[in-house]
Amino acid sequence: MFDSATTNLLRAVLDDVCAEIPRSETNVRTHVAAKLLECAGNGERSIEVLRTAGKQALGRFQRY
């Protein structure tokens, strides 16, 4: 479980990375969120590193 600061950071990065993704595209957002959680679970807290990881995860979905 993450502290509230980390949770807020992850939520902000997810919202930033997925800004162009409709909320109805839950599979895309879930995939990006899972990658962000994985990264944070490995101890990463840098907003830039998390943002890069999120964008790489988003890259899997070419149409976005």
C-alpha atoms as a PDB file:
ATOM      1  CA  MET A   1       0.000   0.000   0.000  1.00  0.00           C
ATOM      2  CA  PHE A   2       1.256   3.477  -0.843  1.00  0.00           C
ATOM      3  CA  ASP A   3       1.085   6.577   1.302  1.00  0.00           C
ATOM      4  CA  SER A   4      -1.299   9.352   0.324  1.00  0.00           C
ATOM      5  CA  ALA A   5       1.415  11.472  -1.321  1.00  0.00           C
ATOM      6  CA  THR A   6       2.431   8.600  -3.594  1.00  0.00           C
ATOM      7  CA  THR A   7      -1.189   7.767  -4.363  1.00  0.00           C
ATOM      8  CA  ASN A   8      -1.834  11.387  -5.334  1.00  0.00           C
ATOM      9  CA  LEU A   9       1.310  11.440  -7.476  1.00  0.00           C
ATOM     10  CA  LEU A  10       0.293   8.251  -9.294  1.00  0.00           C
ATOM     11  CA  ARG A  11      -3.222   9.566  -9.876  1.00  0.00           C
ATOM     12  CA  ALA A  12      -1.872  12.858 -11.242  1.00  0.00           C
ATOM     13  CA  VAL A  13       0.530  11.083 -13.597  1.00  0.00           C
ATOM     14  CA  LEU A  14      -2.222   8.730 -14.780  1.00  0.00           C
ATOM     15  CA  ASP A  15      -4.543  11.662 -15.476  1.00  0.00           C
ATOM     16  CA  ASP A  16      -1.762  13.524 -17.282  1.00  0.00           C
ATOM     17  CA  VAL A  17      -0.651  10.597 -19.437  1.00  0.00           C
ATOM     18  CA  CYS A  18      -4.232   9.596 -20.236  1.00  0.00           C
ATOM     19  CA  ALA A  19      -5.563  13.132 -20.741  1.00  0.00           C
ATOM     20  CA  GLU A  20      -6.592  12.350 -24.337  1.00  0.00           C
ATOM     21  CA  ILE A  21      -8.033   8.924 -23.473  1.00  0.00           C
ATOM     22  CA  PRO A  22     -11.788   8.769 -22.893  1.00  0.00           C
ATOM     23  CA  ARG A  23     -12.678   7.497 -19.412  1.00  0.00           C
ATOM     24  CA  SER A  24     -14.735   4.824 -21.159  1.00  0.00           C
ATOM     25  CA  GLU A  25     -11.485   3.267 -22.467  1.00  0.00           C
ATOM     26  CA  THR A  26     -10.939   1.431 -19.205  1.00  0.00           C
ATOM     27  CA  ASN A  27      -8.633  -1.182 -20.713  1.00  0.00           C
ATOM     28  CA  VAL A  28      -6.157   1.506 -21.768  1.00  0.00           C
ATOM     29  CA  ARG A  29      -6.274   3.375 -18.478  1.00  0.00           C
ATOM     30  CA  THR A  30      -6.020   0.124 -16.506  1.00  0.00           C
ATOM     31  CA  HIS A  31      -2.940  -0.941 -18.451  1.00  0.00           C
ATOM     32  CA  VAL A  32      -1.228   2.407 -17.866  1.00  0.00           C
ATOM     33  CA  ALA A  33      -2.205   2.381 -14.181  1.00  0.00           C
ATOM     34  CA  ALA A  34      -0.799  -1.130 -13.749  1.00  0.00           C
ATOM     35  CA  LYS A  35       2.532  -0.060 -15.226  1.00  0.00           C
ATOM     36  CA  LEU A  36       2.643   3.002 -12.978  1.00  0.00           C
ATOM     37  CA  LEU A  37       1.917   0.846  -9.929  1.00  0.00           C
ATOM     38  CA  GLU A  38       4.616  -1.595 -10.972  1.00  0.00           C
ATOM     39  CA  CYS A  39       7.118   1.230 -11.311  1.00  0.00           C
ATOM     40  CA  ALA A  40       6.151   2.747  -7.957  1.00  0.00           C
ATOM     41  CA  GLY A  41       6.263  -0.693  -6.367  1.00  0.00           C
ATOM     42  CA  ASN A  42       9.897  -0.881  -7.425  1.00  0.00           C
ATOM     43  CA  GLY A  43      10.551   2.307  -5.460  1.00  0.00           C
ATOM     44  CA  GLU A  44      10.329   4.885  -8.229  1.00  0.00           C
ATOM     45  CA  ARG A  45       8.818   8.207  -7.151  1.00  0.00           C
ATOM     46  CA  SER A  46      10.202  10.579  -9.787  1.00  0.00           C
ATOM     47  CA  ILE A  47       7.382  12.246 -11.700  1.00  0.00           C
ATOM     48  CA  GLU A  48       9.432  12.240 -14.905  1.00  0.00           C
ATOM     49  CA  VAL A  49      10.265   8.536 -14.678  1.00  0.00           C
ATOM     50  CA  LEU A  50       6.644   7.687 -13.875  1.00  0.00           C
ATOM     51  CA  ARG A  51       5.407   9.852 -16.745  1.00  0.00           C
ATOM     52  CA  THR A  52       7.839   8.132 -19.135  1.00  0.00           C
ATOM     53  CA  ALA A  53       6.706   4.702 -17.946  1.00  0.00           C
ATOM     54  CA  GLY A  54       3.083   5.731 -18.438  1.00  0.00           C
ATOM     55  CA  LYS A  55       3.729   7.017 -21.946  1.00  0.00           C
ATOM     56  CA  GLN A  56       5.563   3.819 -22.843  1.00  0.00           C
ATOM     57  CA  ALA A  57       2.601   1.797 -21.583  1.00  0.00           C
ATOM     58  CA  LEU A  58       0.262   4.008 -23.586  1.00  0.00           C
ATOM     59  CA  GLY A  59       2.368   3.375 -26.679  1.00  0.00           C
ATOM     60  CA  ARG A  60       1.003  -0.165 -26.724  1.00  0.00           C
ATOM     61  CA  PHE A  61      -2.290   1.326 -27.873  1.00  0.00           C
ATOM     62  CA  GLN A  62      -1.194   2.799 -31.208  1.00  0.00           C
ATOM     63  CA  ARG A  63      -4.377   4.694 -32.045  1.00  0.00           C
ATOM     64  CA  TYR A  64      -3.796   7.063 -29.115  1.00  0.00           C
END
